[in-house]
Amino acid sequence: MTVPAQPPPHPTEVFAERLLLVLSGQRPLHWAARHIANTAYDDLARLAEITPLSTDGHRPTIQRVGHYQPHPEAYEVFARVATGPRLRALAFRLVLGADRRWRCTAVELEPTRP
């Protein structure tokens, strides 16, 4: 019996995982730098500095990734991230470059509440 090959993960899922690893402090910012463009790099650097997804000692996990494709070369993406009992919202934009590689051009994370 042959097992059918699994399709490669969707770019939105790959990038959600990359951003999660940086924002949780599991990977350094430079690990993802070649996949981040424009002001998204500065935004991610600012967010990564405070490692917002590594609170309470829980390892964050992605619960769900969804996207909207306004045109064939862009995705608007949202992800629901769990850190223990807490859920956070992560949003980012992917754009297909002239080199046919996806790059993150915007990233936002739901602000923490006091």
C-alpha atoms as a PDB file:
ATOM      1  CA  MET A   1       0.000   0.000   0.000  1.00  0.00           C
ATOM      2  CA  THR A   2       1.411   3.378  -0.979  1.00  0.00           C
ATOM      3  CA  VAL A   3       0.870   6.436   1.119  1.00  0.00           C
ATOM      4  CA  PRO A   4       0.006   9.512  -0.946  1.00  0.00           C
ATOM      5  CA  ALA A   5       2.569  12.295  -0.819  1.00  0.00           C
ATOM      6  CA  GLN A   6       1.671  15.218   1.393  1.00  0.00           C
ATOM      7  CA  PRO A   7       1.368  18.562  -0.382  1.00  0.00           C
ATOM      8  CA  PRO A   8       3.880  21.169   0.746  1.00  0.00           C
ATOM      9  CA  PRO A   9       2.640  23.530   3.462  1.00  0.00           C
ATOM     10  CA  HIS A  10       0.948  26.702   2.285  1.00  0.00           C
ATOM     11  CA  PRO A  11       3.182  29.826   2.427  1.00  0.00           C
ATOM     12  CA  THR A  12       0.855  31.389   4.994  1.00  0.00           C
ATOM     13  CA  GLU A  13       1.405  28.452   7.360  1.00  0.00           C
ATOM     14  CA  VAL A  14       5.178  28.516   6.843  1.00  0.00           C
ATOM     15  CA  PHE A  15       5.375  32.236   7.606  1.00  0.00           C
ATOM     16  CA  ALA A  16       3.066  31.996  10.610  1.00  0.00           C
ATOM     17  CA  GLU A  17       5.434  29.426  12.092  1.00  0.00           C
ATOM     18  CA  ARG A  18       8.510  31.554  11.277  1.00  0.00           C
ATOM     19  CA  LEU A  19       7.009  34.611  12.918  1.00  0.00           C
ATOM     20  CA  LEU A  20       5.939  32.580  15.953  1.00  0.00           C
ATOM     21  CA  LEU A  21       9.498  31.288  16.441  1.00  0.00           C
ATOM     22  CA  VAL A  22      10.936  34.820  16.323  1.00  0.00           C
ATOM     23  CA  LEU A  23       8.229  36.407  18.482  1.00  0.00           C
ATOM     24  CA  SER A  24       8.590  33.707  21.127  1.00  0.00           C
ATOM     25  CA  GLY A  25      12.370  34.058  21.299  1.00  0.00           C
ATOM     26  CA  GLN A  26      12.977  30.530  20.000  1.00  0.00           C
ATOM     27  CA  ARG A  27      14.822  31.903  16.948  1.00  0.00           C
ATOM     28  CA  PRO A  28      16.732  35.164  16.500  1.00  0.00           C
ATOM     29  CA  LEU A  29      15.434  37.861  14.168  1.00  0.00           C
ATOM     30  CA  HIS A  30      18.282  37.384  11.689  1.00  0.00           C
ATOM     31  CA  TRP A  31      17.098  33.786  11.150  1.00  0.00           C
ATOM     32  CA  ALA A  32      14.043  35.148   9.299  1.00  0.00           C
ATOM     33  CA  ALA A  33      15.571  38.373   7.936  1.00  0.00           C
ATOM     34  CA  ARG A  34      15.769  37.307   4.290  1.00  0.00           C
ATOM     35  CA  HIS A  35      12.032  36.587   4.358  1.00  0.00           C
ATOM     36  CA  ILE A  36      11.029  39.994   5.759  1.00  0.00           C
ATOM     37  CA  ALA A  37      10.863  43.166   3.661  1.00  0.00           C
ATOM     38  CA  ASN A  38      10.318  46.888   4.034  1.00  0.00           C
ATOM     39  CA  THR A  39       9.151  48.243   7.381  1.00  0.00           C
ATOM     40  CA  ALA A  40       8.004  44.778   8.473  1.00  0.00           C
ATOM     41  CA  TYR A  41      11.585  44.065   9.525  1.00  0.00           C
ATOM     42  CA  ASP A  42      11.593  47.066  11.875  1.00  0.00           C
ATOM     43  CA  ASP A  43       8.157  46.131  13.214  1.00  0.00           C
ATOM     44  CA  LEU A  44       9.232  42.548  13.821  1.00  0.00           C
ATOM     45  CA  ALA A  45      12.489  43.693  15.469  1.00  0.00           C
ATOM     46  CA  ARG A  46      10.515  45.922  17.846  1.00  0.00           C
ATOM     47  CA  LEU A  47       8.102  43.122  18.678  1.00  0.00           C
ATOM     48  CA  ALA A  48      10.803  40.452  18.997  1.00  0.00           C
ATOM     49  CA  GLU A  49      12.747  42.616  21.431  1.00  0.00           C
ATOM     50  CA  ILE A  50      10.002  42.144  24.007  1.00  0.00           C
ATOM     51  CA  THR A  51       9.330  38.470  23.030  1.00  0.00           C
ATOM     52  CA  PRO A  52       5.585  38.887  23.503  1.00  0.00           C
ATOM     53  CA  LEU A  53       4.687  35.252  22.926  1.00  0.00           C
ATOM     54  CA  SER A  54       6.859  33.676  25.599  1.00  0.00           C
ATOM     55  CA  THR A  55       4.852  34.699  28.634  1.00  0.00           C
ATOM     56  CA  ASP A  56       3.851  32.443  31.515  1.00  0.00           C
ATOM     57  CA  GLY A  57       6.422  29.799  30.594  1.00  0.00           C
ATOM     58  CA  HIS A  58       4.113  28.211  28.000  1.00  0.00           C
ATOM     59  CA  ARG A  59       5.425  27.379  24.567  1.00  0.00           C
ATOM     60  CA  PRO A  60       3.170  29.135  22.035  1.00  0.00           C
ATOM     61  CA  THR A  61       1.351  27.143  19.375  1.00  0.00           C
ATOM     62  CA  ILE A  62      -0.551  28.158  16.291  1.00  0.00           C
ATOM     63  CA  GLN A  63      -4.207  27.216  16.631  1.00  0.00           C
ATOM     64  CA  ARG A  64      -5.441  28.405  13.245  1.00  0.00           C
ATOM     65  CA  VAL A  65      -4.197  30.228  10.167  1.00  0.00           C
ATOM     66  CA  GLY A  66      -6.527  31.917   7.715  1.00  0.00           C
ATOM     67  CA  HIS A  67      -5.974  34.219   4.785  1.00  0.00           C
ATOM     68  CA  TYR A  68      -7.528  36.440   2.173  1.00  0.00           C
ATOM     69  CA  GLN A  69      -5.906  36.750  -1.246  1.00  0.00           C
ATOM     70  CA  PRO A  70      -6.671  40.224  -2.645  1.00  0.00           C
ATOM     71  CA  HIS A  71      -4.689  39.349  -5.792  1.00  0.00           C
ATOM     72  CA  PRO A  72      -2.546  36.381  -6.953  1.00  0.00           C
ATOM     73  CA  GLU A  73       0.680  37.823  -5.568  1.00  0.00           C
ATOM     74  CA  ALA A  74      -0.445  38.807  -2.060  1.00  0.00           C
ATOM     75  CA  TYR A  75      -2.004  37.314   1.049  1.00  0.00           C
ATOM     76  CA  GLU A  76      -3.488  39.045   4.067  1.00  0.00           C
ATOM     77  CA  VAL A  77      -3.035  36.515   6.860  1.00  0.00           C
ATOM     78  CA  PHE A  78      -4.345  36.073  10.388  1.00  0.00           C
ATOM     79  CA  ALA A  79      -3.289  33.479  12.923  1.00  0.00           C
ATOM     80  CA  ARG A  80      -4.637  32.535  16.315  1.00  0.00           C
ATOM     81  CA  VAL A  81      -1.760  31.796  18.697  1.00  0.00           C
ATOM     82  CA  ALA A  82      -2.167  30.059  22.058  1.00  0.00           C
ATOM     83  CA  THR A  83       0.224  30.640  24.942  1.00  0.00           C
ATOM     84  CA  GLY A  84      -1.147  28.368  27.596  1.00  0.00           C
ATOM     85  CA  PRO A  85      -4.760  29.381  28.263  1.00  0.00           C
ATOM     86  CA  ARG A  86      -4.361  32.745  26.497  1.00  0.00           C
ATOM     87  CA  LEU A  87      -5.114  33.356  22.808  1.00  0.00           C
ATOM     88  CA  ARG A  88      -3.398  36.094  20.800  1.00  0.00           C
ATOM     89  CA  ALA A  89      -4.020  37.437  17.311  1.00  0.00           C
ATOM     90  CA  LEU A  90      -1.178  37.705  14.779  1.00  0.00           C
ATOM     91  CA  ALA A  91      -1.674  39.390  11.413  1.00  0.00           C
ATOM     92  CA  PHE A  92       0.754  39.744   8.533  1.00  0.00           C
ATOM     93  CA  ARG A  93       0.959  40.371   4.795  1.00  0.00           C
ATOM     94  CA  LEU A  94       2.841  38.245   2.281  1.00  0.00           C
ATOM     95  CA  VAL A  95       3.860  39.528  -1.137  1.00  0.00           C
ATOM     96  CA  LEU A  96       5.376  37.489  -3.953  1.00  0.00           C
ATOM     97  CA  GLY A  97       8.568  39.173  -5.138  1.00  0.00           C
ATOM     98  CA  ALA A  98      10.008  39.402  -8.640  1.00  0.00           C
ATOM     99  CA  ASP A  99      12.251  36.452  -7.672  1.00  0.00           C
ATOM    100  CA  ARG A 100       9.053  34.392  -7.047  1.00  0.00           C
ATOM    101  CA  ARG A 101       9.727  34.184  -3.287  1.00  0.00           C
ATOM    102  CA  TRP A 102       7.217  35.144  -0.655  1.00  0.00           C
ATOM    103  CA  ARG A 103       8.189  37.908   1.754  1.00  0.00           C
ATOM    104  CA  CYS A 104       6.448  39.321   4.778  1.00  0.00           C
ATOM    105  CA  THR A 105       5.830  43.045   4.247  1.00  0.00           C
ATOM    106  CA  ALA A 106       3.766  43.823   7.365  1.00  0.00           C
ATOM    107  CA  VAL A 107       3.323  42.239  10.760  1.00  0.00           C
ATOM    108  CA  GLU A 108       1.114  43.078  13.733  1.00  0.00           C
ATOM    109  CA  LEU A 109       0.429  41.380  17.028  1.00  0.00           C
ATOM    110  CA  GLU A 110      -2.516  42.032  19.295  1.00  0.00           C
ATOM    111  CA  PRO A 111      -1.219  44.305  22.053  1.00  0.00           C
ATOM    112  CA  THR A 112      -0.992  42.808  25.515  1.00  0.00           C
ATOM    113  CA  ARG A 113      -3.521  44.031  28.015  1.00  0.00           C
ATOM    114  CA  PRO A 114      -2.555  44.983  31.558  1.00  0.00           C
END
